[in-house]
PDB file of N, CA and C in Angstrom:
ATOM      1  N   MET A   1      -6.128   2.624  11.330  1.00  0.00           N
ATOM      2  CA  MET A   1      -6.572   3.278  10.121  1.00  0.00           C
ATOM      3  C   MET A   1      -6.866   4.740  10.462  1.00  0.00           C
ATOM      4  N   VAL A   2      -6.375   5.647   9.625  1.00  0.00           N
ATOM      5  CA  VAL A   2      -6.656   7.072   9.782  1.00  0.00           C
ATOM      6  C   VAL A   2      -7.298   7.586   8.500  1.00  0.00           C
ATOM      7  N   THR A   3      -8.024   8.674   8.625  1.00  0.00           N
ATOM      8  CA  THR A   3      -8.596   9.365   7.474  1.00  0.00           C
ATOM      9  C   THR A   3      -7.713  10.553   7.174  1.00  0.00           C
ATOM     10  N   VAL A   4      -7.331  10.701   5.908  1.00  0.00           N
ATOM     11  CA  VAL A   4      -6.481  11.810   5.482  1.00  0.00           C
ATOM     12  C   VAL A   4      -7.309  12.717   4.591  1.00  0.00           C
ATOM     13  N   ARG A   5      -7.356  14.000   4.934  1.00  0.00           N
ATOM     14  CA  ARG A   5      -8.062  14.980   4.117  1.00  0.00           C
ATOM     15  C   ARG A   5      -7.037  15.944   3.539  1.00  0.00           C
ATOM     16  N   PHE A   6      -7.112  16.136   2.224  1.00  0.00           N
ATOM     17  CA  PHE A   6      -6.172  16.997   1.514  1.00  0.00           C
ATOM     18  C   PHE A   6      -6.827  18.326   1.175  1.00  0.00           C
ATOM     19  N   TYR A   7      -6.059  19.400   1.238  1.00  0.00           N
ATOM     20  CA  TYR A   7      -6.557  20.730   0.925  1.00  0.00           C
ATOM     21  C   TYR A   7      -5.663  21.398  -0.108  1.00  0.00           C
ATOM     22  N   ALA A   8      -6.266  22.249  -0.942  1.00  0.00           N
ATOM     23  CA  ALA A   8      -5.586  23.114  -1.915  1.00  0.00           C
ATOM     24  C   ALA A   8      -4.571  22.332  -2.762  1.00  0.00           C
ATOM     25  N   GLY A   9      -3.307  22.763  -2.761  1.00  0.00           N
ATOM     26  CA  GLY A   9      -2.288  22.135  -3.601  1.00  0.00           C
ATOM     27  C   GLY A   9      -2.035  20.680  -3.252  1.00  0.00           C
ATOM     28  N   ALA A  10      -2.221  20.306  -2.002  1.00  0.00           N
ATOM     29  CA  ALA A  10      -2.069  18.899  -1.617  1.00  0.00           C
ATOM     30  C   ALA A  10      -3.174  18.063  -2.251  1.00  0.00           C
ATOM     31  N   ARG A  11      -4.383  18.607  -2.313  1.00  0.00           N
ATOM     32  CA  ARG A  11      -5.494  17.902  -2.957  1.00  0.00           C
ATOM     33  C   ARG A  11      -5.219  17.742  -4.446  1.00  0.00           C
ATOM     34  N   ALA A  12      -4.696  18.791  -5.063  1.00  0.00           N
ATOM     35  CA  ALA A  12      -4.374  18.704  -6.491  1.00  0.00           C
ATOM     36  C   ALA A  12      -3.298  17.650  -6.744  1.00  0.00           C
ATOM     37  N   ALA A  13      -2.281  17.589  -5.895  1.00  0.00           N
ATOM     38  CA  ALA A  13      -1.204  16.613  -6.068  1.00  0.00           C
ATOM     39  C   ALA A  13      -1.689  15.192  -5.801  1.00  0.00           C
ATOM     40  N   ALA A  14      -2.560  15.030  -4.806  1.00  0.00           N
ATOM     41  CA  ALA A  14      -3.069  13.693  -4.465  1.00  0.00           C
ATOM     42  C   ALA A  14      -4.122  13.219  -5.455  1.00  0.00           C
ATOM     43  N   GLY A  15      -4.869  14.154  -6.030  1.00  0.00           N
ATOM     44  CA  GLY A  15      -5.928  13.786  -6.963  1.00  0.00           C
ATOM     45  C   GLY A  15      -7.202  13.312  -6.284  1.00  0.00           C
ATOM     46  N   VAL A  16      -7.259  13.431  -4.965  1.00  0.00           N
ATOM     47  CA  VAL A  16      -8.448  13.044  -4.193  1.00  0.00           C
ATOM     48  C   VAL A  16      -8.631  14.046  -3.056  1.00  0.00           C
ATOM     49  N   ASN A  17      -9.853  14.124  -2.555  1.00  0.00           N
ATOM     50  CA  ASN A  17     -10.135  14.984  -1.399  1.00  0.00           C
ATOM     51  C   ASN A  17      -9.779  14.306  -0.088  1.00  0.00           C
ATOM     52  N   GLU A  18      -9.969  12.984  -0.066  1.00  0.00           N
ATOM     53  CA  GLU A  18      -9.849  12.240   1.186  1.00  0.00           C
ATOM     54  C   GLU A  18      -9.519  10.790   0.883  1.00  0.00           C
ATOM     55  N   GLU A  19      -8.810  10.160   1.806  1.00  0.00           N
ATOM     56  CA  GLU A  19      -8.538   8.722   1.684  1.00  0.00           C
ATOM     57  C   GLU A  19      -8.261   8.137   3.066  1.00  0.00           C
ATOM     58  N   ALA A  20      -8.351   6.839   3.157  1.00  0.00           N
ATOM     59  CA  ALA A  20      -8.017   6.123   4.384  1.00  0.00           C
ATOM     60  C   ALA A  20      -6.627   5.514   4.219  1.00  0.00           C
ATOM     61  N   ALA A  21      -5.886   5.436   5.315  1.00  0.00           N
ATOM     62  CA  ALA A  21      -4.538   4.879   5.263  1.00  0.00           C
ATOM     63  C   ALA A  21      -4.198   4.232   6.599  1.00  0.00           C
ATOM     64  N   GLU A  22      -3.350   3.219   6.551  1.00  0.00           N
ATOM     65  CA  GLU A  22      -2.793   2.602   7.757  1.00  0.00           C
ATOM     66  C   GLU A  22      -1.508   3.354   8.096  1.00  0.00           C
ATOM     67  N   ALA A  23      -1.431   3.888   9.308  1.00  0.00           N
ATOM     68  CA  ALA A  23      -0.225   4.590   9.737  1.00  0.00           C
ATOM     69  C   ALA A  23      -0.185   4.622  11.255  1.00  0.00           C
ATOM     70  N   THR A  24       1.012   4.519  11.810  1.00  0.00           N
ATOM     71  CA  THR A  24       1.174   4.569  13.255  1.00  0.00           C
ATOM     72  C   THR A  24       1.687   5.929  13.721  1.00  0.00           C
ATOM     73  N   SER A  25       2.287   6.685  12.795  1.00  0.00           N
ATOM     74  CA  SER A  25       2.818   8.012  13.116  1.00  0.00           C
ATOM     75  C   SER A  25       2.671   8.886  11.885  1.00  0.00           C
ATOM     76  N   LEU A  26       2.862  10.180  12.057  1.00  0.00           N
ATOM     77  CA  LEU A  26       2.803  11.084  10.919  1.00  0.00           C
ATOM     78  C   LEU A  26       3.925  10.754   9.933  1.00  0.00           C
ATOM     79  N   ALA A  27       5.099  10.402  10.438  1.00  0.00           N
ATOM     80  CA  ALA A  27       6.215  10.042   9.558  1.00  0.00           C
ATOM     81  C   ALA A  27       5.857   8.845   8.680  1.00  0.00           C
ATOM     82  N   SER A  28       5.259   7.812   9.278  1.00  0.00           N
ATOM     83  CA  SER A  28       4.895   6.639   8.471  1.00  0.00           C
ATOM     84  C   SER A  28       3.772   6.979   7.494  1.00  0.00           C
ATOM     85  N   LEU A  29       2.876   7.873   7.896  1.00  0.00           N
ATOM     86  CA  LEU A  29       1.808   8.297   6.992  1.00  0.00           C
ATOM     87  C   LEU A  29       2.381   9.052   5.798  1.00  0.00           C
ATOM     88  N   LEU A  30       3.313   9.960   6.049  1.00  0.00           N
ATOM     89  CA  LEU A  30       3.903  10.736   4.952  1.00  0.00           C
ATOM     90  C   LEU A  30       4.668   9.839   3.991  1.00  0.00           C
ATOM     91  N   ASP A  31       5.386   8.860   4.514  1.00  0.00           N
ATOM     92  CA  ASP A  31       6.079   7.894   3.643  1.00  0.00           C
ATOM     93  C   ASP A  31       5.071   7.131   2.790  1.00  0.00           C
ATOM     94  N   HIS A  32       3.997   6.690   3.416  1.00  0.00           N
ATOM     95  CA  HIS A  32       2.951   5.957   2.689  1.00  0.00           C
ATOM     96  C   HIS A  32       2.332   6.823   1.591  1.00  0.00           C
ATOM     97  N   LEU A  33       1.999   8.069   1.925  1.00  0.00           N
ATOM     98  CA  LEU A  33       1.352   8.951   0.942  1.00  0.00           C
ATOM     99  C   LEU A  33       2.265   9.241  -0.244  1.00  0.00           C
ATOM    100  N   ALA A  34       3.537   9.493   0.027  1.00  0.00           N
ATOM    101  CA  ALA A  34       4.476   9.765  -1.064  1.00  0.00           C
ATOM    102  C   ALA A  34       4.588   8.563  -1.995  1.00  0.00           C
ATOM    103  N   ALA A  35       4.640   7.361  -1.430  1.00  0.00           N
ATOM    104  CA  ALA A  35       4.732   6.149  -2.254  1.00  0.00           C
ATOM    105  C   ALA A  35       3.417   5.856  -2.966  1.00  0.00           C
ATOM    106  N   GLU A  36       2.310   6.001  -2.258  1.00  0.00           N
ATOM    107  CA  GLU A  36       0.988   5.698  -2.821  1.00  0.00           C
ATOM    108  C   GLU A  36       0.656   6.601  -4.006  1.00  0.00           C
ATOM    109  N   HIS A  37       1.108   7.822  -3.948  1.00  0.00           N
ATOM    110  CA  HIS A  37       0.800   8.790  -5.001  1.00  0.00           C
ATOM    111  C   HIS A  37       1.980   8.984  -5.949  1.00  0.00           C
ATOM    112  N   HIS A  38       2.856   7.980  -6.008  1.00  0.00           N
ATOM    113  CA  HIS A  38       3.959   7.923  -6.973  1.00  0.00           C
ATOM    114  C   HIS A  38       4.805   9.192  -6.988  1.00  0.00           C
ATOM    115  N   GLY A  39       5.023   9.756  -5.818  1.00  0.00           N
ATOM    116  CA  GLY A  39       5.908  10.907  -5.702  1.00  0.00           C
ATOM    117  C   GLY A  39       5.266  12.250  -5.994  1.00  0.00           C
ATOM    118  N   ARG A  40       4.021  12.274  -6.453  1.00  0.00           N
ATOM    119  CA  ARG A  40       3.375  13.560  -6.760  1.00  0.00           C
ATOM    120  C   ARG A  40       3.261  14.439  -5.519  1.00  0.00           C
ATOM    121  N   LEU A  41       3.097  13.833  -4.373  1.00  0.00           N
ATOM    122  CA  LEU A  41       2.986  14.594  -3.124  1.00  0.00           C
ATOM    123  C   LEU A  41       4.344  14.919  -2.507  1.00  0.00           C
ATOM    124  N   ALA A  42       5.392  14.277  -2.974  1.00  0.00           N
ATOM    125  CA  ALA A  42       6.710  14.430  -2.354  1.00  0.00           C
ATOM    126  C   ALA A  42       7.172  15.882  -2.321  1.00  0.00           C
ATOM    127  N   GLY A  43       6.865  16.649  -3.351  1.00  0.00           N
ATOM    128  CA  GLY A  43       7.272  18.047  -3.389  1.00  0.00           C
ATOM    129  C   GLY A  43       6.386  18.957  -2.565  1.00  0.00           C
ATOM    130  N   VAL A  44       5.189  18.505  -2.248  1.00  0.00           N
ATOM    131  CA  VAL A  44       4.218  19.314  -1.518  1.00  0.00           C
ATOM    132  C   VAL A  44       4.306  19.075  -0.014  1.00  0.00           C
ATOM    133  N   LEU A  45       4.448  17.831   0.400  1.00  0.00           N
ATOM    134  CA  LEU A  45       4.368  17.477   1.818  1.00  0.00           C
ATOM    135  C   LEU A  45       5.368  18.208   2.723  1.00  0.00           C
ATOM    136  N   PRO A  46       6.627  18.434   2.299  1.00  0.00           N
ATOM    137  CA  PRO A  46       7.559  19.118   3.208  1.00  0.00           C
ATOM    138  C   PRO A  46       7.120  20.534   3.589  1.00  0.00           C
ATOM    139  N   ALA A  47       6.305  21.177   2.765  1.00  0.00           N
ATOM    140  CA  ALA A  47       5.860  22.540   3.062  1.00  0.00           C
ATOM    141  C   ALA A  47       4.541  22.567   3.830  1.00  0.00           C
ATOM    142  N   CYS A  48       3.939  21.415   4.039  1.00  0.00           N
ATOM    143  CA  CYS A  48       2.607  21.348   4.648  1.00  0.00           C
ATOM    144  C   CYS A  48       2.645  21.406   6.170  1.00  0.00           C
ATOM    145  N   SER A  49       1.512  21.842   6.708  1.00  0.00           N
ATOM    146  CA  SER A  49       1.220  21.721   8.140  1.00  0.00           C
ATOM    147  C   SER A  49       0.206  20.604   8.277  1.00  0.00           C
ATOM    148  N   PHE A  50       0.127  20.024   9.476  1.00  0.00           N
ATOM    149  CA  PHE A  50      -0.762  18.889   9.687  1.00  0.00           C
ATOM    150  C   PHE A  50      -1.574  19.087  10.953  1.00  0.00           C
ATOM    151  N   LEU A  51      -2.849  18.790  10.844  1.00  0.00           N
ATOM    152  CA  LEU A  51      -3.731  18.768  12.001  1.00  0.00           C
ATOM    153  C   LEU A  51      -4.157  17.330  12.222  1.00  0.00           C
ATOM    154  N   VAL A  52      -4.133  16.900  13.462  1.00  0.00           N
ATOM    155  CA  VAL A  52      -4.628  15.575  13.825  1.00  0.00           C
ATOM    156  C   VAL A  52      -5.810  15.798  14.746  1.00  0.00           C
ATOM    157  N   ASP A  53      -6.974  15.408  14.277  1.00  0.00           N
ATOM    158  CA  ASP A  53      -8.212  15.655  15.010  1.00  0.00           C
ATOM    159  C   ASP A  53      -8.329  17.121  15.419  1.00  0.00           C
ATOM    160  N   GLY A  54      -7.926  18.012  14.496  1.00  0.00           N
ATOM    161  CA  GLY A  54      -8.064  19.446  14.710  1.00  0.00           C
ATOM    162  C   GLY A  54      -6.962  20.105  15.508  1.00  0.00           C
ATOM    163  N   ILE A  55      -5.947  19.354  15.900  1.00  0.00           N
ATOM    164  CA  ILE A  55      -4.846  19.892  16.702  1.00  0.00           C
ATOM    165  C   ILE A  55      -3.567  19.881  15.871  1.00  0.00           C
ATOM    166  N   ALA A  56      -2.836  21.010  15.867  1.00  0.00           N
ATOM    167  CA  ALA A  56      -1.569  21.087  15.141  1.00  0.00           C
ATOM    168  C   ALA A  56      -0.639  19.981  15.636  1.00  0.00           C
ATOM    169  N   TRP A  57      -0.046  19.244  14.689  1.00  0.00           N
ATOM    170  CA  TRP A  57       0.770  18.070  15.017  1.00  0.00           C
ATOM    171  C   TRP A  57       2.174  18.304  14.489  1.00  0.00           C
ATOM    172  N   HIS A  58       3.116  18.544  15.383  1.00  0.00           N
ATOM    173  CA  HIS A  58       4.488  18.876  14.985  1.00  0.00           C
ATOM    174  C   HIS A  58       5.458  17.706  15.125  1.00  0.00           C
ATOM    175  N   ASP A  59       5.140  16.755  15.984  1.00  0.00           N
ATOM    176  CA  ASP A  59       6.024  15.619  16.233  1.00  0.00           C
ATOM    177  C   ASP A  59       5.695  14.491  15.262  1.00  0.00           C
ATOM    178  N   HIS A  60       6.508  14.356  14.235  1.00  0.00           N
ATOM    179  CA  HIS A  60       6.251  13.355  13.194  1.00  0.00           C
ATOM    180  C   HIS A  60       6.404  11.924  13.697  1.00  0.00           C
ATOM    181  N   GLU A  61       7.055  11.728  14.827  1.00  0.00           N
ATOM    182  CA  GLU A  61       7.254  10.381  15.360  1.00  0.00           C
ATOM    183  C   GLU A  61       6.219   9.982  16.417  1.00  0.00           C
ATOM    184  N   ALA A  62       5.438  10.936  16.887  1.00  0.00           N
ATOM    185  CA  ALA A  62       4.432  10.632  17.920  1.00  0.00           C
ATOM    186  C   ALA A  62       3.358   9.708  17.339  1.00  0.00           C
ATOM    187  N   PRO A  63       2.872   8.772  18.132  1.00  0.00           N
ATOM    188  CA  PRO A  63       1.832   7.861  17.644  1.00  0.00           C
ATOM    189  C   PRO A  63       0.543   8.618  17.284  1.00  0.00           C
ATOM    190  N   LEU A  64      -0.044   8.224  16.167  1.00  0.00           N
ATOM    191  CA  LEU A  64      -1.343   8.777  15.786  1.00  0.00           C
ATOM    192  C   LEU A  64      -2.437   8.002  16.514  1.00  0.00           C
ATOM    193  N   PRO A  65      -3.455   8.701  17.005  1.00  0.00           N
ATOM    194  CA  PRO A  65      -4.564   7.979  17.638  1.00  0.00           C
ATOM    195  C   PRO A  65      -5.294   7.120  16.608  1.00  0.00           C
ATOM    196  N   PRO A  66      -5.714   5.925  16.967  1.00  0.00           N
ATOM    197  CA  PRO A  66      -6.488   5.102  16.038  1.00  0.00           C
ATOM    198  C   PRO A  66      -7.755   5.846  15.608  1.00  0.00           C
ATOM    199  N   GLY A  67      -8.051   5.799  14.330  1.00  0.00           N
ATOM    200  CA  GLY A  67      -9.249   6.443  13.809  1.00  0.00           C
ATOM    201  C   GLY A  67      -9.138   7.945  13.660  1.00  0.00           C
ATOM    202  N   ALA A  68      -7.928   8.487  13.795  1.00  0.00           N
ATOM    203  CA  ALA A  68      -7.729   9.940  13.711  1.00  0.00           C
ATOM    204  C   ALA A  68      -8.031  10.461  12.307  1.00  0.00           C
ATOM    205  N   THR A  69      -8.316  11.752  12.246  1.00  0.00           N
ATOM    206  CA  THR A  69      -8.426  12.459  10.974  1.00  0.00           C
ATOM    207  C   THR A  69      -7.215  13.374  10.870  1.00  0.00           C
ATOM    208  N   VAL A  70      -6.468  13.231   9.777  1.00  0.00           N
ATOM    209  CA  VAL A  70      -5.269  14.031   9.548  1.00  0.00           C
ATOM    210  C   VAL A  70      -5.556  14.976   8.387  1.00  0.00           C
ATOM    211  N   ASP A  71      -5.475  16.282   8.654  1.00  0.00           N
ATOM    212  CA  ASP A  71      -5.650  17.290   7.611  1.00  0.00           C
ATOM    213  C   ASP A  71      -4.281  17.698   7.105  1.00  0.00           C
ATOM    214  N   VAL A  72      -4.111  17.669   5.779  1.00  0.00           N
ATOM    215  CA  VAL A  72      -2.861  18.042   5.126  1.00  0.00           C
ATOM    216  C   VAL A  72      -3.066  19.438   4.539  1.00  0.00           C
ATOM    217  N   LEU A  73      -2.390  20.437   5.116  1.00  0.00           N
ATOM    218  CA  LEU A  73      -2.597  21.835   4.775  1.00  0.00           C
ATOM    219  C   LEU A  73      -1.346  22.456   4.182  1.00  0.00           C
ATOM    220  N   PRO A  74      -1.330  22.673   2.866  1.00  0.00           N
ATOM    221  CA  PRO A  74      -0.189  23.369   2.279  1.00  0.00           C
ATOM    222  C   PRO A  74      -0.255  24.849   2.638  1.00  0.00           C
ATOM    223  N   PRO A  75       0.833  25.579   2.436  1.00  0.00           N
ATOM    224  CA  PRO A  75       0.783  27.020   2.705  1.00  0.00           C
ATOM    225  C   PRO A  75      -0.290  27.665   1.822  1.00  0.00           C
ATOM    226  N   PHE A  76      -1.032  28.566   2.406  1.00  0.00           N
ATOM    227  CA  PHE A  76      -2.077  29.266   1.669  1.00  0.00           C
ATOM    228  C   PHE A  76      -1.586  30.658   1.319  1.00  0.00           C
ATOM    229  N   ALA A  77      -1.897  31.109   0.122  1.00  0.00           N
ATOM    230  CA  ALA A  77      -1.557  32.467  -0.305  1.00  0.00           C
ATOM    231  C   ALA A  77      -2.808  33.325  -0.224  1.00  0.00           C
ATOM    232  N   GLY A  78      -2.614  34.594  -0.221  1.00  0.00           N
ATOM    233  CA  GLY A  78      -3.770  35.494  -0.223  1.00  0.00           C
ATOM    234  C   GLY A  78      -3.612  36.549   0.841  1.00  0.00           C
ATOM    235  N   GLY A  79      -4.622  37.339   0.950  1.00  0.00           N
ATOM    236  CA  GLY A  79      -4.500  38.389   1.933  1.00  0.00           C
ATOM    237  C   GLY A  79      -5.730  39.092   2.117  1.00  0.00           C
TER     238      GLY A  79
END
């Protein structure tokens, strides 16, 4: 089980700030989130960056640590 925290546009698409999910990798988590949220996140997730326990996570197939916190970060605008 991992904790997923959504930020900015990802939070708006998910409709929640945080949720728990069963996932073994980032790829399986993203598939789960897209299905769980009826595709609302599908357009947002490809542009997002992900932190796993505060560390940038680029390998979508690498195993997620049990109990990890995954932050879903869409691109931020501003300056």
